[in-house]
C-alpha atoms as a PDB file:
ATOM      1  CA  MET A   1       0.044  -0.039  -0.175  1.00  0.00           C
ATOM      2  CA  LEU A   2       3.004   2.412   0.963  1.00  0.00           C
ATOM      3  CA  LYS A   3       4.344   1.655  -2.517  1.00  0.00           C
ATOM      4  CA  ASP A   4       1.304   2.422  -4.398  1.00  0.00           C
ATOM      5  CA  THR A   5       0.733   5.548  -2.467  1.00  0.00           C
ATOM      6  CA  CYS A   6       4.387   6.775  -3.060  1.00  0.00           C
ATOM      7  CA  ALA A   7       4.262   6.113  -6.865  1.00  0.00           C
ATOM      8  CA  GLN A   8       1.372   8.544  -7.118  1.00  0.00           C
ATOM      9  CA  LEU A   9       3.176  11.432  -5.036  1.00  0.00           C
ATOM     10  CA  THR A  10       4.077  14.544  -7.152  1.00  0.00           C
ATOM     11  CA  ASP A  11       7.233  16.599  -6.398  1.00  0.00           C
ATOM     12  CA  ASP A  12       4.905  19.253  -5.081  1.00  0.00           C
ATOM     13  CA  ASP A  13       3.575  16.519  -2.784  1.00  0.00           C
ATOM     14  CA  LEU A  14       6.977  15.560  -1.695  1.00  0.00           C
ATOM     15  CA  ASP A  15       7.878  19.093  -0.870  1.00  0.00           C
ATOM     16  CA  ARG A  16       4.872  19.773   1.273  1.00  0.00           C
ATOM     17  CA  VAL A  17       5.621  20.583   4.892  1.00  0.00           C
ATOM     18  CA  VAL A  18       3.711  18.814   7.571  1.00  0.00           C
ATOM     19  CA  THR A  19       3.583  19.232  11.412  1.00  0.00           C
ATOM     20  CA  PHE A  20       4.390  16.110  13.573  1.00  0.00           C
ATOM     21  CA  GLY A  21       5.137  15.484  17.334  1.00  0.00           C
ATOM     22  CA  HIS A  22       3.425  15.089  20.557  1.00  0.00           C
ATOM     23  CA  GLU A  23       4.690  17.545  22.964  1.00  0.00           C
ATOM     24  CA  ASP A  24       7.111  19.536  20.724  1.00  0.00           C
ATOM     25  CA  GLU A  25       5.726  20.121  17.385  1.00  0.00           C
ATOM     26  CA  LYS A  26       8.145  19.890  14.573  1.00  0.00           C
ATOM     27  CA  GLU A  27       7.850  20.381  10.871  1.00  0.00           C
ATOM     28  CA  ALA A  28       9.291  18.323   7.951  1.00  0.00           C
ATOM     29  CA  THR A  29       8.605  17.771   4.294  1.00  0.00           C
ATOM     30  CA  VAL A  30       6.776  14.504   3.082  1.00  0.00           C
ATOM     31  CA  ARG A  31      10.014  13.828   1.413  1.00  0.00           C
ATOM     32  CA  TRP A  32      12.015  13.689   4.607  1.00  0.00           C
ATOM     33  CA  GLY A  33       9.310  11.595   6.384  1.00  0.00           C
ATOM     34  CA  LEU A  34       9.319   8.930   3.610  1.00  0.00           C
ATOM     35  CA  TRP A  35      13.217   8.935   3.800  1.00  0.00           C
ATOM     36  CA  HIS A  36      12.975   8.774   7.498  1.00  0.00           C
ATOM     37  CA  ILE A  37      10.870   5.622   7.445  1.00  0.00           C
ATOM     38  CA  ALA A  38      13.147   3.759   4.863  1.00  0.00           C
ATOM     39  CA  ASP A  39      16.126   4.674   6.891  1.00  0.00           C
ATOM     40  CA  HIS A  40      14.692   3.442  10.243  1.00  0.00           C
ATOM     41  CA  SER A  41      13.468   0.111   8.514  1.00  0.00           C
ATOM     42  CA  ARG A  42      17.137  -0.307   7.374  1.00  0.00           C
ATOM     43  CA  TYR A  43      18.373   0.051  10.798  1.00  0.00           C
ATOM     44  CA  HIS A  44      16.060  -2.591  12.201  1.00  0.00           C
ATOM     45  CA  GLN A  45      16.718  -4.971   9.227  1.00  0.00           C
ATOM     46  CA  ALA A  46      20.322  -4.690  10.308  1.00  0.00           C
ATOM     47  CA  ASN A  47      19.733  -5.604  13.722  1.00  0.00           C
ATOM     48  CA  ILE A  48      17.657  -8.735  12.521  1.00  0.00           C
ATOM     49  CA  ASN A  49      20.515  -9.837  10.429  1.00  0.00           C
ATOM     50  CA  GLN A  50      22.858  -9.402  13.167  1.00  0.00           C
ATOM     51  CA  LEU A  51      20.693 -11.410  15.415  1.00  0.00           C
ATOM     52  CA  ARG A  52      20.393 -14.181  12.832  1.00  0.00           C
ATOM     53  CA  LYS A  53      24.154 -14.226  12.543  1.00  0.00           C
ATOM     54  CA  TRP A  54      24.652 -14.674  16.310  1.00  0.00           C
ATOM     55  CA  LEU A  55      21.832 -17.508  16.540  1.00  0.00           C
ATOM     56  CA  LYS A  56      23.479 -19.360  13.654  1.00  0.00           C
ATOM     57  CA  LYS A  57      26.666 -19.439  15.903  1.00  0.00           C
ATOM     58  CA  THR A  58      24.768 -21.148  18.855  1.00  0.00           C
END
């Protein structure tokens, strides 16, 4: 679903500034938000891969 949604975004959509945060409101572009999601997912995937290596050794 995310892939389909991203494929429909225009440059103007990606440059739109949105507000987020709970206590301290912050602003970022949709483009940055998507990059952050991908980067965060990559971080978790690296952790999972490391755990798999450790489990193979035991």
